[in-house]
Amino acid sequence: MSATTNRAERLNVRLSTQAREEITQAAHASGQDLTSFVIGAALDRARRVLLEERILYLSTADAEQLELVLDNPPEPTEFLRRLMRDS
């Protein structure tokens, strides 16, 4: 995966000398240039955060309740019938 294929945007960051040296060493150790390493690491972290944000965690009781409702949906209200008919 090339994280730097389309370089239309710019992102500037300020960091300590120690942080820069550590990131640079890690980039070299992984065989990447600094830009590719930082972009790849940031994208990996961003995707993990977004994935976690989209996952719904339920207790066993809540999961059972959800399954029950999905398996036995209530009758649609008149409002929903009109909405489905008119759309």
C-alpha atoms as a PDB file:
ATOM      1  CA  MET A   1       0.000   0.000   0.000  1.00  0.00           C
ATOM      2  CA  SER A   2       1.447   3.350  -0.964  1.00  0.00           C
ATOM      3  CA  ALA A   3       0.332   5.982   1.492  1.00  0.00           C
ATOM      4  CA  THR A   4       1.978   8.780  -0.483  1.00  0.00           C
ATOM      5  CA  THR A   5       0.675   8.181  -4.012  1.00  0.00           C
ATOM      6  CA  ASN A   6      -1.324  11.401  -4.269  1.00  0.00           C
ATOM      7  CA  ARG A   7       0.556  14.198  -2.543  1.00  0.00           C
ATOM      8  CA  ALA A   8      -1.904  17.042  -2.986  1.00  0.00           C
ATOM      9  CA  GLU A   9      -2.173  17.940   0.715  1.00  0.00           C
ATOM     10  CA  ARG A  10       0.363  19.083   3.279  1.00  0.00           C
ATOM     11  CA  LEU A  11       0.446  18.435   7.032  1.00  0.00           C
ATOM     12  CA  ASN A  12       2.920  20.253   9.271  1.00  0.00           C
ATOM     13  CA  VAL A  13       3.652  19.077  12.797  1.00  0.00           C
ATOM     14  CA  ARG A  14       5.880  20.277  15.622  1.00  0.00           C
ATOM     15  CA  LEU A  15       7.641  17.693  17.728  1.00  0.00           C
ATOM     16  CA  SER A  16      10.576  17.364  20.074  1.00  0.00           C
ATOM     17  CA  THR A  17      14.046  16.501  18.812  1.00  0.00           C
ATOM     18  CA  GLN A  18      13.830  13.191  20.666  1.00  0.00           C
ATOM     19  CA  ALA A  19      10.498  12.305  19.029  1.00  0.00           C
ATOM     20  CA  ARG A  20      11.862  13.189  15.578  1.00  0.00           C
ATOM     21  CA  GLU A  21      14.966  11.044  16.127  1.00  0.00           C
ATOM     22  CA  GLU A  22      12.899   8.107  17.355  1.00  0.00           C
ATOM     23  CA  ILE A  23      10.499   8.307  14.415  1.00  0.00           C
ATOM     24  CA  THR A  24      13.394   8.674  11.970  1.00  0.00           C
ATOM     25  CA  GLN A  25      15.121   5.599  13.429  1.00  0.00           C
ATOM     26  CA  ALA A  26      11.911   3.587  13.173  1.00  0.00           C
ATOM     27  CA  ALA A  27      11.413   4.701   9.575  1.00  0.00           C
ATOM     28  CA  HIS A  28      14.943   3.623   8.643  1.00  0.00           C
ATOM     29  CA  ALA A  29      14.528   0.327  10.514  1.00  0.00           C
ATOM     30  CA  SER A  30      11.398  -0.399   8.488  1.00  0.00           C
ATOM     31  CA  GLY A  31      13.084   0.541   5.206  1.00  0.00           C
ATOM     32  CA  GLN A  32      10.892   3.575   4.584  1.00  0.00           C
ATOM     33  CA  ASP A  33      11.564   7.245   4.162  1.00  0.00           C
ATOM     34  CA  LEU A  34      10.336   9.481   6.966  1.00  0.00           C
ATOM     35  CA  THR A  35       7.296  10.794   5.080  1.00  0.00           C
ATOM     36  CA  SER A  36       6.046   7.346   4.056  1.00  0.00           C
ATOM     37  CA  PHE A  37       6.566   6.011   7.562  1.00  0.00           C
ATOM     38  CA  VAL A  38       4.714   8.862   9.273  1.00  0.00           C
ATOM     39  CA  ILE A  39       1.827   8.799   6.797  1.00  0.00           C
ATOM     40  CA  GLY A  40       1.523   5.015   7.034  1.00  0.00           C
ATOM     41  CA  ALA A  41       1.585   5.060  10.840  1.00  0.00           C
ATOM     42  CA  ALA A  42      -0.931   7.903  11.033  1.00  0.00           C
ATOM     43  CA  LEU A  43      -3.287   6.198   8.579  1.00  0.00           C
ATOM     44  CA  ASP A  44      -3.052   2.877  10.433  1.00  0.00           C
ATOM     45  CA  ARG A  45      -3.942   4.599  13.701  1.00  0.00           C
ATOM     46  CA  ALA A  46      -6.722   6.648  12.107  1.00  0.00           C
ATOM     47  CA  ARG A  47      -8.302   3.531  10.619  1.00  0.00           C
ATOM     48  CA  ARG A  48      -8.160   1.688  13.953  1.00  0.00           C
ATOM     49  CA  VAL A  49      -9.798   4.624  15.733  1.00  0.00           C
ATOM     50  CA  LEU A  50     -12.532   4.893  13.097  1.00  0.00           C
ATOM     51  CA  LEU A  51     -13.149   1.149  13.160  1.00  0.00           C
ATOM     52  CA  GLU A  52     -13.490   1.193  16.947  1.00  0.00           C
ATOM     53  CA  GLU A  53     -15.915   4.098  16.623  1.00  0.00           C
ATOM     54  CA  ARG A  54     -18.151   2.009  14.339  1.00  0.00           C
ATOM     55  CA  ILE A  55     -18.265  -1.143  16.451  1.00  0.00           C
ATOM     56  CA  LEU A  56     -21.269  -1.585  18.710  1.00  0.00           C
ATOM     57  CA  TYR A  57     -20.524  -3.378  21.971  1.00  0.00           C
ATOM     58  CA  LEU A  58     -23.487  -4.996  23.714  1.00  0.00           C
ATOM     59  CA  SER A  59     -23.843  -6.940  26.912  1.00  0.00           C
ATOM     60  CA  THR A  60     -25.201 -10.459  26.543  1.00  0.00           C
ATOM     61  CA  ALA A  61     -28.618  -9.300  27.722  1.00  0.00           C
ATOM     62  CA  ASP A  62     -28.645  -6.369  25.285  1.00  0.00           C
ATOM     63  CA  ALA A  63     -27.548  -8.616  22.410  1.00  0.00           C
ATOM     64  CA  GLU A  64     -30.348 -11.048  23.203  1.00  0.00           C
ATOM     65  CA  GLN A  65     -32.868  -8.189  23.335  1.00  0.00           C
ATOM     66  CA  LEU A  66     -31.658  -6.861  19.979  1.00  0.00           C
ATOM     67  CA  GLU A  67     -31.907 -10.326  18.436  1.00  0.00           C
ATOM     68  CA  LEU A  68     -35.438 -10.696  19.789  1.00  0.00           C
ATOM     69  CA  VAL A  69     -36.535  -7.367  18.302  1.00  0.00           C
ATOM     70  CA  LEU A  70     -34.895  -8.142  14.955  1.00  0.00           C
ATOM     71  CA  ASP A  71     -36.484 -11.591  14.812  1.00  0.00           C
ATOM     72  CA  ASN A  72     -39.904 -10.282  15.878  1.00  0.00           C
ATOM     73  CA  PRO A  73     -40.277  -6.734  14.612  1.00  0.00           C
ATOM     74  CA  PRO A  74     -43.291  -4.756  15.801  1.00  0.00           C
ATOM     75  CA  GLU A  75     -46.090  -3.975  13.380  1.00  0.00           C
ATOM     76  CA  PRO A  76     -45.413  -0.755  11.469  1.00  0.00           C
ATOM     77  CA  THR A  77     -47.283   2.284  12.677  1.00  0.00           C
ATOM     78  CA  GLU A  78     -49.645   4.199  10.419  1.00  0.00           C
ATOM     79  CA  PHE A  79     -46.977   6.870  10.061  1.00  0.00           C
ATOM     80  CA  LEU A  80     -44.450   4.299   8.773  1.00  0.00           C
ATOM     81  CA  ARG A  81     -47.002   2.809   6.380  1.00  0.00           C
ATOM     82  CA  ARG A  82     -47.685   6.264   4.913  1.00  0.00           C
ATOM     83  CA  LEU A  83     -43.991   7.000   4.731  1.00  0.00           C
ATOM     84  CA  MET A  84     -43.264   3.765   2.849  1.00  0.00           C
ATOM     85  CA  ARG A  85     -46.253   4.257   0.568  1.00  0.00           C
ATOM     86  CA  ASP A  86     -45.357   7.867  -0.285  1.00  0.00           C
ATOM     87  CA  SER A  87     -41.674   7.310  -0.947  1.00  0.00           C
END
